[in-house]
Amino acid sequence: MTVLTEGGADVFVVNLNETDEPPPYYVDVDGRRFSFDGSTFLIFGHSAIMPEWVREHEAEGRLVLLGERDDRYLRYVHDPAEEMEEDEEE
C-alpha cells in the first residue's frame, strides 16, 4: 500500500494488479471494510477531480481508498456510520 498526495489531499492506494481476477467489491484494511463505489479515476489525469472527491468524503466522516488496476484507480469508501448501524442490527 502506498500514499498518493494530490492537490493537498492524501489517499491510500492498494495495488490490485497482482491477479487477473476481477477487482473485489470489498477491500478490508485494518478491520475496516471499504466498498467499491462503482466509479474510477484515470491514473493519468485524475488530479483535477480526485482531491475534491477525497475532501468531500472526509468532510462527511467517510474514509476513502483507491485500488490501482491497470490504468485506473477504483474508488472505495468506508462509512463508519453504516458500520455502526450494522452493529446495532445484530
PDB file of N, CA and C in Angstrom:
ATOM      1  N   MET A   1       0.852  -1.161   0.000  1.00  0.00           N
ATOM      2  CA  MET A   1       0.000   0.000   0.000  1.00  0.00           C
ATOM      3  C   MET A   1       0.904   1.231   0.000  1.00  0.00           C
ATOM      4  N   THR A   2       0.498   2.221  -0.789  1.00  0.00           N
ATOM      5  CA  THR A   2       1.234   3.477  -0.858  1.00  0.00           C
ATOM      6  C   THR A   2       0.275   4.626  -0.553  1.00  0.00           C
ATOM      7  N   VAL A   3       0.840   5.823  -0.454  1.00  0.00           N
ATOM      8  CA  VAL A   3       0.038   7.023  -0.241  1.00  0.00           C
ATOM      9  C   VAL A   3       0.208   7.926  -1.451  1.00  0.00           C
ATOM     10  N   LEU A   4      -0.897   8.393  -1.988  1.00  0.00           N
ATOM     11  CA  LEU A   4      -0.903   9.331  -3.105  1.00  0.00           C
ATOM     12  C   LEU A   4      -1.288  10.696  -2.549  1.00  0.00           C
ATOM     13  N   THR A   5      -0.466  11.705  -2.825  1.00  0.00           N
ATOM     14  CA  THR A   5      -0.773  13.077  -2.419  1.00  0.00           C
ATOM     15  C   THR A   5      -0.990  13.887  -3.680  1.00  0.00           C
ATOM     16  N   GLU A   6      -2.146  14.490  -3.767  1.00  0.00           N
ATOM     17  CA  GLU A   6      -2.511  15.257  -4.967  1.00  0.00           C
ATOM     18  C   GLU A   6      -3.401  16.415  -4.544  1.00  0.00           C
ATOM     19  N   GLY A   7      -3.028  17.623  -4.906  1.00  0.00           N
ATOM     20  CA  GLY A   7      -3.869  18.786  -4.638  1.00  0.00           C
ATOM     21  C   GLY A   7      -4.186  18.980  -3.168  1.00  0.00           C
ATOM     22  N   GLY A   8      -3.251  18.624  -2.287  1.00  0.00           N
ATOM     23  CA  GLY A   8      -3.467  18.783  -0.857  1.00  0.00           C
ATOM     24  C   GLY A   8      -4.257  17.669  -0.208  1.00  0.00           C
ATOM     25  N   ALA A   9      -4.606  16.643  -0.951  1.00  0.00           N
ATOM     26  CA  ALA A   9      -5.357  15.505  -0.404  1.00  0.00           C
ATOM     27  C   ALA A   9      -4.457  14.270  -0.409  1.00  0.00           C
ATOM     28  N   ASP A  10      -4.486  13.530   0.684  1.00  0.00           N
ATOM     29  CA  ASP A  10      -3.736  12.283   0.803  1.00  0.00           C
ATOM     30  C   ASP A  10      -4.711  11.112   0.795  1.00  0.00           C
ATOM     31  N   VAL A  11      -4.365  10.070   0.054  1.00  0.00           N
ATOM     32  CA  VAL A  11      -5.226   8.888   0.000  1.00  0.00           C
ATOM     33  C   VAL A  11      -4.347   7.646  -0.153  1.00  0.00           C
ATOM     34  N   PHE A  12      -4.728   6.584   0.557  1.00  0.00           N
ATOM     35  CA  PHE A  12      -4.017   5.316   0.425  1.00  0.00           C
ATOM     36  C   PHE A  12      -4.403   4.650  -0.889  1.00  0.00           C
ATOM     37  N   VAL A  13      -3.409   3.971  -1.489  1.00  0.00           N
ATOM     38  CA  VAL A  13      -3.626   3.252  -2.750  1.00  0.00           C
ATOM     39  C   VAL A  13      -3.160   1.814  -2.557  1.00  0.00           C
ATOM     40  N   VAL A  14      -4.042   0.879  -2.857  1.00  0.00           N
ATOM     41  CA  VAL A  14      -3.702  -0.537  -2.787  1.00  0.00           C
ATOM     42  C   VAL A  14      -3.568  -1.074  -4.213  1.00  0.00           C
ATOM     43  N   ASN A  15      -2.548  -1.903  -4.446  1.00  0.00           N
ATOM     44  CA  ASN A  15      -2.284  -2.454  -5.772  1.00  0.00           C
ATOM     45  C   ASN A  15      -3.191  -3.658  -6.019  1.00  0.00           C
ATOM     46  N   LEU A  16      -4.049  -3.551  -7.014  1.00  0.00           N
ATOM     47  CA  LEU A  16      -4.948  -4.654  -7.381  1.00  0.00           C
ATOM     48  C   LEU A  16      -4.510  -5.328  -8.679  1.00  0.00           C
ATOM     49  N   ASN A  17      -3.267  -5.083  -9.095  1.00  0.00           N
ATOM     50  CA  ASN A  17      -2.755  -5.652 -10.341  1.00  0.00           C
ATOM     51  C   ASN A  17      -2.091  -7.013 -10.156  1.00  0.00           C
ATOM     52  N   GLU A  18      -2.098  -7.541  -8.942  1.00  0.00           N
ATOM     53  CA  GLU A  18      -1.375  -8.777  -8.668  1.00  0.00           C
ATOM     54  C   GLU A  18      -2.122 -10.031  -9.108  1.00  0.00           C
ATOM     55  N   THR A  19      -3.349  -9.875  -9.581  1.00  0.00           N
ATOM     56  CA  THR A  19      -4.148 -11.028 -10.006  1.00  0.00           C
ATOM     57  C   THR A  19      -4.930 -10.671 -11.266  1.00  0.00           C
ATOM     58  N   ASP A  20      -5.296 -11.696 -12.011  1.00  0.00           N
ATOM     59  CA  ASP A  20      -6.124 -11.486 -13.201  1.00  0.00           C
ATOM     60  C   ASP A  20      -7.613 -11.565 -12.877  1.00  0.00           C
ATOM     61  N   GLU A  21      -7.937 -11.883 -11.624  1.00  0.00           N
ATOM     62  CA  GLU A  21      -9.336 -11.944 -11.199  1.00  0.00           C
ATOM     63  C   GLU A  21      -9.966 -10.552 -11.287  1.00  0.00           C
ATOM     64  N   PRO A  22     -11.275 -10.487 -11.435  1.00  0.00           N
ATOM     65  CA  PRO A  22     -11.930  -9.170 -11.405  1.00  0.00           C
ATOM     66  C   PRO A  22     -11.641  -8.475 -10.073  1.00  0.00           C
ATOM     67  N   PRO A  23     -11.582  -7.156 -10.078  1.00  0.00           N
ATOM     68  CA  PRO A  23     -11.326  -6.438  -8.822  1.00  0.00           C
ATOM     69  C   PRO A  23     -12.414  -6.747  -7.795  1.00  0.00           C
ATOM     70  N   PRO A  24     -12.050  -6.777  -6.530  1.00  0.00           N
ATOM     71  CA  PRO A  24     -13.036  -7.093  -5.494  1.00  0.00           C
ATOM     72  C   PRO A  24     -14.011  -5.944  -5.267  1.00  0.00           C
ATOM     73  N   TYR A  25     -15.223  -6.289  -4.828  1.00  0.00           N
ATOM     74  CA  TYR A  25     -16.195  -5.262  -4.460  1.00  0.00           C
ATOM     75  C   TYR A  25     -15.840  -4.680  -3.096  1.00  0.00           C
ATOM     76  N   TYR A  26     -15.316  -5.529  -2.202  1.00  0.00           N
ATOM     77  CA  TYR A  26     -14.900  -5.086  -0.873  1.00  0.00           C
ATOM     78  C   TYR A  26     -13.398  -5.238  -0.725  1.00  0.00           C
ATOM     79  N   VAL A  27     -12.785  -4.280  -0.020  1.00  0.00           N
ATOM     80  CA  VAL A  27     -11.386  -4.365   0.371  1.00  0.00           C
ATOM     81  C   VAL A  27     -11.348  -4.125   1.876  1.00  0.00           C
ATOM     82  N   ASP A  28     -10.786  -5.081   2.617  1.00  0.00           N
ATOM     83  CA  ASP A  28     -10.679  -4.943   4.067  1.00  0.00           C
ATOM     84  C   ASP A  28      -9.277  -4.477   4.435  1.00  0.00           C
ATOM     85  N   VAL A  29      -9.212  -3.399   5.217  1.00  0.00           N
ATOM     86  CA  VAL A  29      -7.943  -2.838   5.666  1.00  0.00           C
ATOM     87  C   VAL A  29      -8.066  -2.526   7.150  1.00  0.00           C
ATOM     88  N   ASP A  30      -7.215  -3.146   7.950  1.00  0.00           N
ATOM     89  CA  ASP A  30      -7.153  -2.860   9.385  1.00  0.00           C
ATOM     90  C   ASP A  30      -8.524  -2.937  10.049  1.00  0.00           C
ATOM     91  N   GLY A  31      -9.291  -3.965   9.695  1.00  0.00           N
ATOM     92  CA  GLY A  31     -10.597  -4.164  10.300  1.00  0.00           C
ATOM     93  C   GLY A  31     -11.713  -3.292   9.747  1.00  0.00           C
ATOM     94  N   ARG A  32     -11.421  -2.518   8.725  1.00  0.00           N
ATOM     95  CA  ARG A  32     -12.437  -1.664   8.102  1.00  0.00           C
ATOM     96  C   ARG A  32     -12.750  -2.201   6.705  1.00  0.00           C
ATOM     97  N   ARG A  33     -14.031  -2.245   6.378  1.00  0.00           N
ATOM     98  CA  ARG A  33     -14.453  -2.720   5.065  1.00  0.00           C
ATOM     99  C   ARG A  33     -14.747  -1.529   4.162  1.00  0.00           C
ATOM    100  N   PHE A  34     -14.020  -1.459   3.046  1.00  0.00           N
ATOM    101  CA  PHE A  34     -14.217  -0.427   2.036  1.00  0.00           C
ATOM    102  C   PHE A  34     -15.005  -1.041   0.888  1.00  0.00           C
ATOM    103  N   SER A  35     -16.013  -0.334   0.406  1.00  0.00           N
ATOM    104  CA  SER A  35     -16.865  -0.808  -0.688  1.00  0.00           C
ATOM    105  C   SER A  35     -16.563  -0.026  -1.955  1.00  0.00           C
ATOM    106  N   PHE A  36     -16.501  -0.736  -3.065  1.00  0.00           N
ATOM    107  CA  PHE A  36     -16.319  -0.084  -4.361  1.00  0.00           C
ATOM    108  C   PHE A  36     -17.544   0.771  -4.643  1.00  0.00           C
ATOM    109  N   ASP A  37     -17.336   2.050  -4.993  1.00  0.00           N
ATOM    110  CA  ASP A  37     -18.493   2.935  -5.216  1.00  0.00           C
ATOM    111  C   ASP A  37     -18.957   2.948  -6.669  1.00  0.00           C
ATOM    112  N   GLY A  38     -18.352   2.096  -7.506  1.00  0.00           N
ATOM    113  CA  GLY A  38     -18.804   1.984  -8.892  1.00  0.00           C
ATOM    114  C   GLY A  38     -18.140   2.942  -9.856  1.00  0.00           C
ATOM    115  N   SER A  39     -17.215   3.761  -9.351  1.00  0.00           N
ATOM    116  CA  SER A  39     -16.566   4.754 -10.208  1.00  0.00           C
ATOM    117  C   SER A  39     -15.053   4.592 -10.167  1.00  0.00           C
ATOM    118  N   THR A  40     -14.406   5.172 -11.166  1.00  0.00           N
ATOM    119  CA  THR A  40     -12.950   5.114 -11.248  1.00  0.00           C
ATOM    120  C   THR A  40     -12.396   6.470 -11.662  1.00  0.00           C
ATOM    121  N   PHE A  41     -11.088   6.623 -11.467  1.00  0.00           N
ATOM    122  CA  PHE A  41     -10.334   7.763 -11.987  1.00  0.00           C
ATOM    123  C   PHE A  41      -9.271   7.211 -12.928  1.00  0.00           C
ATOM    124  N   LEU A  42      -8.944   7.942 -13.965  1.00  0.00           N
ATOM    125  CA  LEU A  42      -7.773   7.599 -14.764  1.00  0.00           C
ATOM    126  C   LEU A  42      -6.532   7.836 -13.918  1.00  0.00           C
ATOM    127  N   ILE A  43      -5.542   6.959 -14.010  1.00  0.00           N
ATOM    128  CA  ILE A  43      -4.308   7.168 -13.255  1.00  0.00           C
ATOM    129  C   ILE A  43      -3.626   8.439 -13.744  1.00  0.00           C
ATOM    130  N   PHE A  44      -3.609   8.646 -15.039  1.00  0.00           N
ATOM    131  CA  PHE A  44      -3.048   9.882 -15.581  1.00  0.00           C
ATOM    132  C   PHE A  44      -4.211  10.784 -15.948  1.00  0.00           C
ATOM    133  N   GLY A  45      -4.339  11.894 -15.223  1.00  0.00           N
ATOM    134  CA  GLY A  45      -5.419  12.826 -15.499  1.00  0.00           C
ATOM    135  C   GLY A  45      -6.437  12.923 -14.385  1.00  0.00           C
ATOM    136  N   HIS A  46      -6.151  12.313 -13.242  1.00  0.00           N
ATOM    137  CA  HIS A  46      -7.102  12.315 -12.123  1.00  0.00           C
ATOM    138  C   HIS A  46      -7.025  13.562 -11.260  1.00  0.00           C
ATOM    139  N   SER A  47      -5.953  14.326 -11.382  1.00  0.00           N
ATOM    140  CA  SER A  47      -5.675  15.382 -10.408  1.00  0.00           C
ATOM    141  C   SER A  47      -6.716  16.490 -10.365  1.00  0.00           C
ATOM    142  N   ALA A  48      -7.503  16.643 -11.407  1.00  0.00           N
ATOM    143  CA  ALA A  48      -8.497  17.717 -11.409  1.00  0.00           C
ATOM    144  C   ALA A  48      -9.680  17.409 -10.504  1.00  0.00           C
ATOM    145  N   ILE A  49     -10.042  16.141 -10.349  1.00  0.00           N
ATOM    146  CA  ILE A  49     -11.243  15.819  -9.574  1.00  0.00           C
ATOM    147  C   ILE A  49     -10.991  14.958  -8.339  1.00  0.00           C
ATOM    148  N   MET A  50      -9.901  14.208  -8.307  1.00  0.00           N
ATOM    149  CA  MET A  50      -9.647  13.301  -7.192  1.00  0.00           C
ATOM    150  C   MET A  50      -9.538  14.012  -5.849  1.00  0.00           C
ATOM    151  N   PRO A  51      -8.775  15.109  -5.717  1.00  0.00           N
ATOM    152  CA  PRO A  51      -8.671  15.750  -4.396  1.00  0.00           C
ATOM    153  C   PRO A  51     -10.018  16.219  -3.848  1.00  0.00           C
ATOM    154  N   GLU A  52     -10.870  16.740  -4.691  1.00  0.00           N
ATOM    155  CA  GLU A  52     -12.183  17.198  -4.234  1.00  0.00           C
ATOM    156  C   GLU A  52     -13.030  16.018  -3.766  1.00  0.00           C
ATOM    157  N   TRP A  53     -12.959  14.900  -4.480  1.00  0.00           N
ATOM    158  CA  TRP A  53     -13.690  13.694  -4.077  1.00  0.00           C
ATOM    159  C   TRP A  53     -13.241  13.240  -2.691  1.00  0.00           C
ATOM    160  N   VAL A  54     -11.921  13.225  -2.454  1.00  0.00           N
ATOM    161  CA  VAL A  54     -11.389  12.826  -1.149  1.00  0.00           C
ATOM    162  C   VAL A  54     -11.892  13.772  -0.068  1.00  0.00           C
ATOM    163  N   ARG A  55     -11.771  15.067  -0.286  1.00  0.00           N
ATOM    164  CA  ARG A  55     -12.186  16.052   0.723  1.00  0.00           C
ATOM    165  C   ARG A  55     -13.682  15.968   1.025  1.00  0.00           C
ATOM    166  N   GLU A  56     -14.505  15.780   0.003  1.00  0.00           N
ATOM    167  CA  GLU A  56     -15.953  15.675   0.222  1.00  0.00           C
ATOM    168  C   GLU A  56     -16.299  14.495   1.129  1.00  0.00           C
ATOM    169  N   HIS A  57     -15.688  13.347   0.863  1.00  0.00           N
ATOM    170  CA  HIS A  57     -15.969  12.170   1.689  1.00  0.00           C
ATOM    171  C   HIS A  57     -15.428  12.345   3.107  1.00  0.00           C
ATOM    172  N   GLU A  58     -14.219  12.880   3.238  1.00  0.00           N
ATOM    173  CA  GLU A  58     -13.655  13.082   4.569  1.00  0.00           C
ATOM    174  C   GLU A  58     -14.482  14.080   5.370  1.00  0.00           C
ATOM    175  N   ALA A  59     -15.015  15.103   4.721  1.00  0.00           N
ATOM    176  CA  ALA A  59     -15.858  16.086   5.407  1.00  0.00           C
ATOM    177  C   ALA A  59     -17.128  15.439   5.953  1.00  0.00           C
ATOM    178  N   GLU A  60     -17.585  14.370   5.302  1.00  0.00           N
ATOM    179  CA  GLU A  60     -18.778  13.642   5.743  1.00  0.00           C
ATOM    180  C   GLU A  60     -18.441  12.513   6.723  1.00  0.00           C
ATOM    181  N   GLY A  61     -17.150  12.401   7.094  1.00  0.00           N
ATOM    182  CA  GLY A  61     -16.743  11.381   8.061  1.00  0.00           C
ATOM    183  C   GLY A  61     -16.430  10.028   7.465  1.00  0.00           C
ATOM    184  N   ARG A  62     -16.372   9.936   6.141  1.00  0.00           N
ATOM    185  CA  ARG A  62     -16.066   8.664   5.482  1.00  0.00           C
ATOM    186  C   ARG A  62     -14.569   8.592   5.156  1.00  0.00           C
ATOM    187  N   LEU A  63     -14.050   7.383   5.103  1.00  0.00           N
ATOM    188  CA  LEU A  63     -12.671   7.137   4.704  1.00  0.00           C
ATOM    189  C   LEU A  63     -12.666   6.646   3.269  1.00  0.00           C
ATOM    190  N   VAL A  64     -11.627   7.001   2.534  1.00  0.00           N
ATOM    191  CA  VAL A  64     -11.539   6.577   1.136  1.00  0.00           C
ATOM    192  C   VAL A  64     -10.233   5.837   0.887  1.00  0.00           C
ATOM    193  N   LEU A  65     -10.252   5.029  -0.141  1.00  0.00           N
ATOM    194  CA  LEU A  65      -9.121   4.213  -0.545  1.00  0.00           C
ATOM    195  C   LEU A  65      -9.204   4.062  -2.055  1.00  0.00           C
ATOM    196  N   LEU A  66      -8.067   4.081  -2.715  1.00  0.00           N
ATOM    197  CA  LEU A  66      -8.038   3.834  -4.155  1.00  0.00           C
ATOM    198  C   LEU A  66      -7.416   2.468  -4.407  1.00  0.00           C
ATOM    199  N   GLY A  67      -7.967   1.743  -5.357  1.00  0.00           N
ATOM    200  CA  GLY A  67      -7.401   0.478  -5.789  1.00  0.00           C
ATOM    201  C   GLY A  67      -6.834   0.656  -7.186  1.00  0.00           C
ATOM    202  N   GLU A  68      -5.527   0.464  -7.332  1.00  0.00           N
ATOM    203  CA  GLU A  68      -4.897   0.632  -8.648  1.00  0.00           C
ATOM    204  C   GLU A  68      -5.092  -0.628  -9.471  1.00  0.00           C
ATOM    205  N   ARG A  69      -5.717  -0.456 -10.622  1.00  0.00           N
ATOM    206  CA  ARG A  69      -5.945  -1.581 -11.538  1.00  0.00           C
ATOM    207  C   ARG A  69      -5.709  -1.093 -12.953  1.00  0.00           C
ATOM    208  N   ASP A  70      -4.661  -1.616 -13.585  1.00  0.00           N
ATOM    209  CA  ASP A  70      -4.263  -1.226 -14.935  1.00  0.00           C
ATOM    210  C   ASP A  70      -4.094   0.291 -15.001  1.00  0.00           C
ATOM    211  N   ASP A  71      -4.873   0.975 -15.824  1.00  0.00           N
ATOM    212  CA  ASP A  71      -4.697   2.429 -15.991  1.00  0.00           C
ATOM    213  C   ASP A  71      -5.741   3.232 -15.219  1.00  0.00           C
ATOM    214  N   ARG A  72      -6.372   2.600 -14.199  1.00  0.00           N
ATOM    215  CA  ARG A  72      -7.451   3.265 -13.455  1.00  0.00           C
ATOM    216  C   ARG A  72      -7.242   3.117 -11.954  1.00  0.00           C
ATOM    217  N   TYR A  73      -7.795   4.067 -11.223  1.00  0.00           N
ATOM    218  CA  TYR A  73      -7.942   3.959  -9.774  1.00  0.00           C
ATOM    219  C   TYR A  73      -9.405   3.662  -9.488  1.00  0.00           C
ATOM    220  N   LEU A  74      -9.686   2.551  -8.850  1.00  0.00           N
ATOM    221  CA  LEU A  74     -11.048   2.222  -8.433  1.00  0.00           C
ATOM    222  C   LEU A  74     -11.307   2.909  -7.100  1.00  0.00           C
ATOM    223  N   ARG A  75     -12.483   3.468  -6.938  1.00  0.00           N
ATOM    224  CA  ARG A  75     -12.801   4.257  -5.751  1.00  0.00           C
ATOM    225  C   ARG A  75     -13.525   3.398  -4.714  1.00  0.00           C
ATOM    226  N   TYR A  76     -12.941   3.311  -3.529  1.00  0.00           N
ATOM    227  CA  TYR A  76     -13.513   2.560  -2.417  1.00  0.00           C
ATOM    228  C   TYR A  76     -13.791   3.504  -1.255  1.00  0.00           C
ATOM    229  N   VAL A  77     -14.897   3.270  -0.553  1.00  0.00           N
ATOM    230  CA  VAL A  77     -15.316   4.136   0.548  1.00  0.00           C
ATOM    231  C   VAL A  77     -15.689   3.284   1.760  1.00  0.00           C
ATOM    232  N   HIS A  78     -15.268   3.747   2.934  1.00  0.00           N
ATOM    233  CA  HIS A  78     -15.677   3.139   4.213  1.00  0.00           C
ATOM    234  C   HIS A  78     -16.471   4.186   4.977  1.00  0.00           C
ATOM    235  N   ASP A  79     -17.683   3.836   5.365  1.00  0.00           N
ATOM    236  CA  ASP A  79     -18.544   4.754   6.114  1.00  0.00           C
ATOM    237  C   ASP A  79     -18.734   4.200   7.524  1.00  0.00           C
ATOM    238  N   PRO A  80     -18.065   4.792   8.531  1.00  0.00           N
ATOM    239  CA  PRO A  80     -18.214   4.305   9.905  1.00  0.00           C
ATOM    240  C   PRO A  80     -19.660   4.338  10.396  1.00  0.00           C
ATOM    241  N   ALA A  81     -20.467   5.270   9.916  1.00  0.00           N
ATOM    242  CA  ALA A  81     -21.872   5.348  10.329  1.00  0.00           C
ATOM    243  C   ALA A  81     -22.634   4.100   9.888  1.00  0.00           C
ATOM    244  N   GLU A  82     -22.375   3.615   8.684  1.00  0.00           N
ATOM    245  CA  GLU A  82     -23.025   2.383   8.209  1.00  0.00           C
ATOM    246  C   GLU A  82     -22.589   1.191   9.044  1.00  0.00           C
ATOM    247  N   GLU A  83     -21.318   1.179   9.419  1.00  0.00           N
ATOM    248  CA  GLU A  83     -20.798   0.088  10.234  1.00  0.00           C
ATOM    249  C   GLU A  83     -21.493   0.060  11.593  1.00  0.00           C
ATOM    250  N   MET A  84     -21.730   1.225  12.183  1.00  0.00           N
ATOM    251  CA  MET A  84     -22.417   1.305  13.472  1.00  0.00           C
ATOM    252  C   MET A  84     -23.863   0.830  13.343  1.00  0.00           C
ATOM    253  N   GLU A  85     -24.526   1.175  12.236  1.00  0.00           N
ATOM    254  CA  GLU A  85     -25.904   0.734  12.009  1.00  0.00           C
ATOM    255  C   GLU A  85     -25.976  -0.782  11.905  1.00  0.00           C
ATOM    256  N   GLU A  86     -25.006  -1.389  11.214  1.00  0.00           N
ATOM    257  CA  GLU A  86     -24.979  -2.843  11.074  1.00  0.00           C
ATOM    258  C   GLU A  86     -24.769  -3.508  12.428  1.00  0.00           C
ATOM    259  N   ASP A  87     -23.894  -2.931  13.272  1.00  0.00           N
ATOM    260  CA  ASP A  87     -23.650  -3.487  14.600  1.00  0.00           C
ATOM    261  C   ASP A  87     -24.905  -3.423  15.458  1.00  0.00           C
ATOM    262  N   GLU A  88     -25.670  -2.349  15.339  1.00  0.00           N
ATOM    263  CA  GLU A  88     -26.894  -2.197  16.118  1.00  0.00           C
ATOM    264  C   GLU A  88     -27.956  -3.211  15.703  1.00  0.00           C
ATOM    265  N   GLU A  89     -27.967  -3.596  14.428  1.00  0.00           N
ATOM    266  CA  GLU A  89     -28.945  -4.557  13.925  1.00  0.00           C
ATOM    267  C   GLU A  89     -28.673  -5.964  14.429  1.00  0.00           C
ATOM    268  N   GLU A  90     -27.428  -6.266  14.756  1.00  0.00           N
ATOM    269  CA  GLU A  90     -27.055  -7.632  15.184  1.00  0.00           C
ATOM    270  C   GLU A  90     -27.423  -7.898  16.583  1.00  0.00           C
TER     271      GLU A  90
END
